[in-house]
Amino acid sequence: ACCAGTEGASTMNLPPLPRPDCPNIWGGCYSAEAMRAYAEAAALAMQERCAKLCADLEDVLWQQYKTAGAANQHTEGRSDGAGECAETIRALDATP
């Protein structure tokens, strides 16, 4: 009942909630420290998800570059750029 009206809520894959500091019939309450840790874990998970998209694109573009019909500097550059994007995302400080 506490979650009524959440239909259509985000389907993002979030890390599991920590154990509540004060369990109760509604699920419990959490300390500010626990919520900061949870927010950091969620931010890091999203950061890695974005970096993986770039890394996967790098692989696809590199395969296209290695294919005889698509071997050109533009495709190679796009592959390099996607790889650099993945590295940059992973290097970000995701602390909220």
Protein backbone atom coordinates (compact mmCIF):
# COMPACT_ATOMS: atom_id res chain seq x y z
CA ALA A 1 0.00 0.00 0.00
CA CYS A 2 2.91 2.36 0.69
CA CYS A 3 3.95 2.15 -2.94
CA ALA A 4 0.55 2.86 -4.49
CA GLY A 5 0.82 5.13 -7.47
CA THR A 6 4.30 4.02 -8.45
CA GLU A 7 3.09 2.28 -11.59
CA GLY A 8 5.25 3.42 -14.46
CA ALA A 9 8.14 4.16 -12.08
CA SER A 10 11.66 3.93 -13.40
CA THR A 11 12.87 0.49 -14.43
CA MET A 12 16.49 1.49 -13.78
CA ASN A 13 18.50 -1.30 -12.18
CA LEU A 14 19.41 0.16 -8.81
CA PRO A 15 21.55 -1.50 -6.16
CA PRO A 16 19.55 -3.12 -3.36
CA LEU A 17 18.64 -0.89 -0.44
CA PRO A 18 20.76 -1.34 2.67
CA ARG A 19 19.29 -2.93 5.77
CA PRO A 20 17.14 -0.34 7.55
CA ASP A 21 18.62 1.16 10.70
CA CYS A 22 15.18 1.10 12.31
CA PRO A 23 13.03 -1.67 10.77
CA ASN A 24 9.28 -1.20 11.04
CA ILE A 25 6.12 -2.39 9.35
CA TRP A 26 6.59 0.12 6.51
CA GLY A 27 10.08 -1.09 5.68
CA GLY A 28 12.20 0.97 8.00
CA CYS A 29 14.18 4.15 8.13
CA TYR A 30 17.76 4.80 7.10
CA SER A 31 20.56 6.98 8.42
CA ALA A 32 21.98 9.80 6.35
CA GLU A 33 25.24 7.81 6.13
CA ALA A 34 23.42 4.76 4.74
CA MET A 35 21.60 6.88 2.16
CA ARG A 36 24.84 8.62 1.08
CA ALA A 37 26.46 5.20 0.60
CA TYR A 38 23.41 4.04 -1.36
CA ALA A 39 23.45 7.15 -3.55
CA GLU A 40 27.15 6.67 -4.26
CA ALA A 41 26.59 3.01 -5.20
CA ALA A 42 23.74 4.01 -7.52
CA ALA A 43 25.84 6.78 -9.13
CA LEU A 44 28.78 4.41 -9.65
CA ALA A 45 26.48 1.79 -11.18
CA MET A 46 25.09 4.35 -13.63
CA GLN A 47 28.58 5.63 -14.40
CA GLU A 48 29.73 2.11 -15.28
CA ARG A 49 26.58 1.52 -17.35
CA CYS A 50 27.37 4.61 -19.42
CA ALA A 51 31.03 3.68 -19.77
CA LYS A 52 30.06 0.19 -20.95
CA LEU A 53 27.83 1.67 -23.66
CA CYS A 54 30.83 3.63 -24.96
CA ALA A 55 33.14 0.62 -24.71
CA ASP A 56 30.64 -1.55 -26.57
CA LEU A 57 30.34 1.11 -29.29
CA GLU A 58 34.13 1.21 -29.53
CA ASP A 59 34.16 -2.55 -30.17
CA VAL A 60 31.44 -2.36 -32.83
CA LEU A 61 33.15 0.51 -34.63
CA TRP A 62 36.54 -1.19 -34.43
CA GLN A 63 35.04 -4.30 -36.05
CA GLN A 64 33.55 -2.09 -38.78
CA TYR A 65 36.95 -0.44 -39.27
CA LYS A 66 38.63 -3.84 -39.62
CA THR A 67 36.08 -4.87 -42.25
CA ALA A 68 37.37 -4.25 -45.77
CA GLY A 69 34.38 -2.16 -46.83
CA ALA A 70 34.43 0.16 -43.82
CA ALA A 71 38.18 0.60 -43.30
CA ASN A 72 38.55 4.38 -43.24
CA GLN A 73 39.95 6.99 -40.90
CA HIS A 74 36.51 8.26 -39.94
CA THR A 75 35.39 4.87 -38.60
CA GLU A 76 38.73 4.40 -36.83
CA GLY A 77 38.38 7.85 -35.24
CA ARG A 78 34.85 7.11 -34.07
CA SER A 79 36.10 3.90 -32.46
CA ASP A 80 38.96 5.75 -30.76
CA GLY A 81 36.60 8.47 -29.55
CA ALA A 82 34.16 5.97 -28.07
CA GLY A 83 37.02 4.29 -26.22
CA GLU A 84 38.25 7.64 -24.88
CA CYS A 85 34.72 8.47 -23.78
CA ALA A 86 34.52 5.19 -21.80
CA GLU A 87 37.86 5.91 -20.13
CA THR A 88 36.81 9.47 -19.25
CA ILE A 89 33.50 8.34 -17.75
CA ARG A 90 35.25 5.70 -15.65
CA ALA A 91 37.74 8.31 -14.40
CA LEU A 92 35.01 10.67 -13.13
CA ASP A 93 34.55 11.16 -9.42
CA ALA A 94 30.96 10.00 -9.00
CA THR A 95 30.68 11.02 -5.36
CA PRO A 96 27.40 12.90 -4.92
